[in-house]
N, C-alpha and C. Protein backbone atom coordinates (compact mmCIF):
# COMPACT_ATOMS: atom_id res chain seq x y z
N MET A 1 28.55 -47.82 -1.08
CA MET A 1 27.69 -48.04 -2.23
C MET A 1 28.07 -49.32 -2.98
N TYR A 2 29.09 -49.98 -2.46
CA TYR A 2 29.53 -51.23 -3.04
C TYR A 2 28.39 -52.25 -2.96
N ASN A 3 28.08 -52.87 -4.07
CA ASN A 3 27.01 -53.87 -4.18
C ASN A 3 25.62 -53.35 -3.81
N LYS A 4 25.37 -52.07 -3.97
CA LYS A 4 24.04 -51.51 -3.76
C LYS A 4 23.29 -51.45 -5.08
N GLN A 5 21.98 -51.51 -5.01
CA GLN A 5 21.08 -51.37 -6.15
C GLN A 5 21.30 -52.46 -7.21
N LEU A 6 21.63 -53.64 -6.78
CA LEU A 6 21.81 -54.73 -7.72
C LEU A 6 20.54 -55.56 -7.92
N ASN A 7 19.53 -55.31 -7.13
CA ASN A 7 18.30 -56.09 -7.24
C ASN A 7 17.26 -55.40 -8.12
N CYS A 8 17.63 -54.34 -8.81
CA CYS A 8 16.65 -53.58 -9.59
C CYS A 8 16.62 -53.98 -11.06
N PHE A 9 17.37 -54.97 -11.48
CA PHE A 9 17.46 -55.31 -12.89
C PHE A 9 16.37 -56.26 -13.37
N GLY A 10 15.86 -57.09 -12.52
CA GLY A 10 14.83 -58.04 -12.92
C GLY A 10 15.38 -59.34 -13.50
N ASP A 11 16.65 -59.35 -13.88
CA ASP A 11 17.30 -60.56 -14.39
C ASP A 11 18.21 -61.12 -13.31
N GLU A 12 18.63 -62.36 -13.51
CA GLU A 12 19.53 -63.00 -12.55
C GLU A 12 20.91 -62.35 -12.59
N LEU A 13 21.43 -62.01 -11.45
CA LEU A 13 22.76 -61.41 -11.34
C LEU A 13 23.80 -62.51 -11.49
N VAL A 14 24.71 -62.33 -12.45
CA VAL A 14 25.76 -63.31 -12.70
C VAL A 14 27.08 -62.87 -12.07
N ASP A 15 27.44 -61.60 -12.28
CA ASP A 15 28.71 -61.11 -11.76
C ASP A 15 28.69 -59.58 -11.77
N VAL A 16 29.58 -59.00 -10.97
CA VAL A 16 29.76 -57.55 -10.93
C VAL A 16 31.26 -57.28 -10.94
N LEU A 17 31.68 -56.38 -11.81
CA LEU A 17 33.08 -56.02 -11.93
C LEU A 17 33.21 -54.53 -11.62
N TYR A 18 34.04 -54.19 -10.62
CA TYR A 18 34.23 -52.81 -10.19
C TYR A 18 35.60 -52.28 -10.57
N THR A 19 35.69 -50.96 -10.77
CA THR A 19 37.00 -50.33 -10.89
C THR A 19 37.63 -50.31 -9.50
N PRO A 20 38.94 -50.11 -9.41
CA PRO A 20 39.59 -50.11 -8.09
C PRO A 20 39.01 -49.07 -7.12
N ASP A 21 38.57 -47.92 -7.63
CA ASP A 21 38.01 -46.90 -6.75
C ASP A 21 36.50 -47.10 -6.48
N LYS A 22 35.93 -48.14 -7.04
CA LYS A 22 34.52 -48.52 -6.81
C LYS A 22 33.51 -47.46 -7.27
N THR A 23 33.87 -46.65 -8.28
CA THR A 23 32.95 -45.63 -8.78
C THR A 23 32.32 -46.01 -10.12
N LYS A 24 32.77 -47.12 -10.70
CA LYS A 24 32.23 -47.61 -11.97
C LYS A 24 32.12 -49.12 -11.87
N ARG A 25 31.13 -49.66 -12.58
CA ARG A 25 30.97 -51.11 -12.54
C ARG A 25 30.27 -51.63 -13.79
N TYR A 26 30.53 -52.88 -14.07
CA TYR A 26 29.77 -53.65 -15.06
C TYR A 26 28.94 -54.66 -14.28
N VAL A 27 27.68 -54.76 -14.64
CA VAL A 27 26.80 -55.75 -14.04
C VAL A 27 26.44 -56.75 -15.14
N LEU A 28 26.75 -58.02 -14.92
CA LEU A 28 26.44 -59.06 -15.88
C LEU A 28 25.18 -59.77 -15.43
N LEU A 29 24.25 -59.94 -16.38
CA LEU A 29 22.93 -60.48 -16.06
C LEU A 29 22.55 -61.60 -17.00
N LYS A 30 21.66 -62.47 -16.51
CA LYS A 30 21.14 -63.57 -17.32
C LYS A 30 19.61 -63.51 -17.27
N SER A 31 18.99 -63.51 -18.44
CA SER A 31 17.53 -63.44 -18.50
C SER A 31 16.92 -64.80 -18.21
N ASP A 32 15.62 -64.81 -18.00
CA ASP A 32 14.93 -66.08 -17.74
C ASP A 32 14.91 -66.97 -18.99
N LYS A 33 15.23 -66.43 -20.14
CA LYS A 33 15.30 -67.21 -21.38
C LYS A 33 16.72 -67.71 -21.66
N GLY A 34 17.67 -67.38 -20.76
CA GLY A 34 19.03 -67.89 -20.88
C GLY A 34 20.00 -66.98 -21.63
N TYR A 35 19.57 -65.76 -21.95
CA TYR A 35 20.46 -64.83 -22.65
C TYR A 35 21.21 -63.97 -21.63
N PHE A 36 22.42 -63.57 -22.02
CA PHE A 36 23.27 -62.76 -21.16
C PHE A 36 23.37 -61.34 -21.71
N ARG A 37 23.62 -60.40 -20.80
CA ARG A 37 23.87 -59.01 -21.18
C ARG A 37 24.69 -58.36 -20.07
N PHE A 38 25.22 -57.19 -20.37
CA PHE A 38 25.93 -56.44 -19.34
C PHE A 38 25.49 -54.98 -19.39
N VAL A 39 25.61 -54.34 -18.23
CA VAL A 39 25.24 -52.93 -18.08
C VAL A 39 26.43 -52.22 -17.45
N TYR A 40 26.82 -51.08 -18.04
CA TYR A 40 27.90 -50.26 -17.48
C TYR A 40 27.26 -49.13 -16.68
N GLU A 41 27.67 -48.98 -15.41
CA GLU A 41 27.10 -47.96 -14.54
C GLU A 41 28.20 -47.15 -13.87
N GLU A 42 27.86 -45.89 -13.57
CA GLU A 42 28.74 -45.02 -12.81
C GLU A 42 28.01 -44.53 -11.57
N LEU A 43 28.77 -44.28 -10.53
CA LEU A 43 28.20 -43.79 -9.28
C LEU A 43 28.06 -42.27 -9.36
N HIS A 44 26.84 -41.77 -9.13
CA HIS A 44 26.56 -40.34 -9.20
C HIS A 44 26.10 -39.85 -7.83
N PRO A 45 26.92 -39.03 -7.17
CA PRO A 45 26.52 -38.48 -5.87
C PRO A 45 25.31 -37.57 -6.02
N PHE A 46 24.46 -37.53 -5.00
CA PHE A 46 23.31 -36.64 -5.02
C PHE A 46 23.76 -35.20 -4.82
N THR A 47 23.03 -34.29 -5.45
CA THR A 47 23.26 -32.86 -5.19
C THR A 47 22.70 -32.55 -3.80
N GLU A 48 22.99 -31.39 -3.30
CA GLU A 48 22.49 -31.00 -1.98
C GLU A 48 20.96 -31.02 -1.95
N GLU A 49 20.35 -30.53 -3.02
CA GLU A 49 18.88 -30.51 -3.09
C GLU A 49 18.32 -31.93 -3.13
N GLU A 50 18.92 -32.82 -3.92
CA GLU A 50 18.47 -34.21 -3.98
C GLU A 50 18.65 -34.90 -2.63
N TRP A 51 19.77 -34.61 -1.97
CA TRP A 51 20.04 -35.23 -0.68
C TRP A 51 19.00 -34.83 0.35
N MET A 52 18.56 -33.59 0.33
CA MET A 52 17.53 -33.12 1.27
C MET A 52 16.25 -33.96 1.12
N TYR A 53 15.93 -34.34 -0.11
CA TYR A 53 14.75 -35.15 -0.37
C TYR A 53 15.00 -36.62 0.00
N VAL A 54 16.11 -37.16 -0.45
CA VAL A 54 16.42 -38.58 -0.27
C VAL A 54 16.70 -38.94 1.19
N SER A 55 17.32 -38.05 1.93
CA SER A 55 17.75 -38.37 3.28
C SER A 55 16.59 -38.52 4.27
N ARG A 56 15.40 -38.19 3.86
CA ARG A 56 14.23 -38.35 4.74
C ARG A 56 13.75 -39.79 4.84
N GLY A 57 14.15 -40.63 3.89
CA GLY A 57 13.68 -42.01 3.87
C GLY A 57 14.49 -42.90 4.79
N LYS A 58 14.07 -44.17 4.83
CA LYS A 58 14.83 -45.16 5.61
C LYS A 58 16.09 -45.54 4.86
N ASN A 59 17.18 -45.70 5.59
CA ASN A 59 18.46 -46.13 5.02
C ASN A 59 18.87 -45.33 3.78
N PRO A 60 18.99 -44.02 3.90
CA PRO A 60 19.38 -43.23 2.73
C PRO A 60 20.80 -43.54 2.29
N VAL A 61 21.03 -43.43 0.99
CA VAL A 61 22.37 -43.62 0.43
C VAL A 61 22.82 -42.29 -0.17
N PRO A 62 24.12 -41.99 -0.17
CA PRO A 62 24.61 -40.69 -0.63
C PRO A 62 24.73 -40.54 -2.14
N ALA A 63 24.48 -41.62 -2.87
CA ALA A 63 24.65 -41.59 -4.32
C ALA A 63 23.76 -42.66 -4.95
N ILE A 64 23.75 -42.68 -6.27
CA ILE A 64 22.94 -43.66 -6.99
C ILE A 64 23.75 -44.21 -8.16
N TRP A 65 23.56 -45.48 -8.44
CA TRP A 65 24.19 -46.10 -9.61
C TRP A 65 23.29 -45.84 -10.81
N GLU A 66 23.88 -45.31 -11.89
CA GLU A 66 23.12 -45.03 -13.10
C GLU A 66 23.94 -45.43 -14.31
N PRO A 67 23.25 -45.90 -15.38
CA PRO A 67 24.00 -46.14 -16.62
C PRO A 67 24.67 -44.84 -17.05
N SER A 68 25.88 -44.94 -17.54
CA SER A 68 26.65 -43.77 -17.92
C SER A 68 25.94 -42.99 -19.02
N ALA A 69 26.04 -41.66 -18.97
CA ALA A 69 25.46 -40.81 -20.01
C ALA A 69 26.06 -41.19 -21.36
N GLY A 70 25.22 -41.36 -22.34
CA GLY A 70 25.69 -41.72 -23.67
C GLY A 70 25.90 -43.20 -23.88
N TRP A 71 25.80 -43.99 -22.82
CA TRP A 71 25.99 -45.43 -22.97
C TRP A 71 24.69 -46.02 -23.47
N GLN A 72 24.73 -46.70 -24.59
CA GLN A 72 23.52 -47.16 -25.26
C GLN A 72 23.07 -48.56 -24.86
N GLY A 73 23.76 -49.18 -23.96
CA GLY A 73 23.38 -50.54 -23.60
C GLY A 73 24.11 -51.53 -24.48
N THR A 74 23.63 -52.74 -24.50
CA THR A 74 24.35 -53.77 -25.24
C THR A 74 23.39 -54.78 -25.81
N SER A 75 23.92 -55.68 -26.57
CA SER A 75 23.15 -56.76 -27.18
C SER A 75 22.96 -57.90 -26.19
N LEU A 76 22.18 -58.86 -26.62
CA LEU A 76 22.04 -60.10 -25.86
C LEU A 76 23.00 -61.13 -26.42
N PHE A 77 23.56 -61.95 -25.54
CA PHE A 77 24.53 -62.94 -25.95
C PHE A 77 24.07 -64.32 -25.51
N GLY A 78 24.46 -65.33 -26.30
CA GLY A 78 24.05 -66.69 -26.02
C GLY A 78 24.86 -67.38 -24.93
N THR A 79 26.09 -66.92 -24.73
CA THR A 79 26.94 -67.53 -23.71
C THR A 79 27.60 -66.45 -22.85
N LEU A 80 27.99 -66.85 -21.67
CA LEU A 80 28.69 -65.94 -20.78
C LEU A 80 30.06 -65.59 -21.36
N GLU A 81 30.69 -66.53 -22.01
CA GLU A 81 31.99 -66.30 -22.64
C GLU A 81 31.90 -65.20 -23.70
N ASP A 82 30.86 -65.23 -24.54
CA ASP A 82 30.67 -64.19 -25.56
C ASP A 82 30.40 -62.83 -24.91
N THR A 83 29.70 -62.84 -23.80
CA THR A 83 29.40 -61.61 -23.08
C THR A 83 30.69 -60.97 -22.57
N TRP A 84 31.55 -61.78 -21.96
CA TRP A 84 32.84 -61.27 -21.46
C TRP A 84 33.70 -60.74 -22.60
N LYS A 85 33.71 -61.44 -23.73
CA LYS A 85 34.51 -60.99 -24.88
C LYS A 85 34.06 -59.61 -25.33
N GLU A 86 32.75 -59.41 -25.47
CA GLU A 86 32.22 -58.12 -25.91
C GLU A 86 32.46 -57.03 -24.87
N LEU A 87 32.28 -57.35 -23.61
CA LEU A 87 32.51 -56.40 -22.53
C LEU A 87 33.95 -55.89 -22.58
N LYS A 88 34.89 -56.78 -22.78
CA LYS A 88 36.31 -56.40 -22.78
C LYS A 88 36.71 -55.59 -24.01
N LEU A 89 35.86 -55.53 -25.00
CA LEU A 89 36.11 -54.70 -26.18
C LEU A 89 35.54 -53.29 -26.03
N SER A 90 34.74 -53.06 -25.01
CA SER A 90 34.09 -51.76 -24.84
C SER A 90 35.09 -50.68 -24.45
N PRO A 91 34.87 -49.43 -24.86
CA PRO A 91 35.79 -48.35 -24.52
C PRO A 91 35.91 -48.13 -23.01
N GLU A 92 34.82 -48.29 -22.28
CA GLU A 92 34.84 -48.10 -20.83
C GLU A 92 35.74 -49.14 -20.16
N TYR A 93 35.64 -50.36 -20.62
CA TYR A 93 36.49 -51.41 -20.05
C TYR A 93 37.96 -51.09 -20.31
N LYS A 94 38.27 -50.74 -21.54
CA LYS A 94 39.66 -50.44 -21.90
C LYS A 94 40.20 -49.27 -21.10
N GLN A 95 39.37 -48.27 -20.85
CA GLN A 95 39.84 -47.07 -20.14
C GLN A 95 39.95 -47.27 -18.64
N TYR A 96 38.94 -47.84 -18.02
CA TYR A 96 38.89 -47.88 -16.55
C TYR A 96 39.26 -49.23 -15.93
N PHE A 97 38.98 -50.31 -16.60
CA PHE A 97 39.16 -51.62 -16.00
C PHE A 97 40.46 -52.28 -16.43
N LYS A 98 40.76 -52.24 -17.72
CA LYS A 98 41.98 -52.88 -18.22
C LYS A 98 43.22 -52.19 -17.69
N ALA A 99 43.19 -50.87 -17.59
CA ALA A 99 44.35 -50.13 -17.05
C ALA A 99 44.61 -50.56 -15.61
N ALA A 100 43.55 -50.81 -14.85
CA ALA A 100 43.71 -51.26 -13.46
C ALA A 100 44.32 -52.65 -13.41
N GLU A 101 43.96 -53.52 -14.36
CA GLU A 101 44.53 -54.87 -14.41
C GLU A 101 46.03 -54.83 -14.62
N SER A 102 46.48 -53.92 -15.49
CA SER A 102 47.92 -53.87 -15.82
C SER A 102 48.75 -53.34 -14.66
N CYS A 103 48.10 -52.66 -13.71
CA CYS A 103 48.81 -52.14 -12.54
C CYS A 103 49.00 -53.18 -11.46
N GLU A 104 48.28 -54.28 -11.56
CA GLU A 104 48.34 -55.32 -10.51
C GLU A 104 49.56 -56.18 -10.64
């Protein structure tokens, strides 16, 4: 599921940051007007019932990337630097991504 479903945003893909286990990610995007934003997503495996429906199609995947429950999205930023600063202040980054950095 690494790098799957990245073409569904409609904005230009700038970068993707994954947790070490590849179950959470931040997607950084740039709009056609030059504004930046980021989206926090978690990988959600399909239930058995969902899989029965999904597996009938071409190239089925076992899970789907979705914005985390309760995650409200983010603001638009004028620069990529400001976007990274705000992303690194988010609770999800501090919990899942920053802890992984300190282990390296």
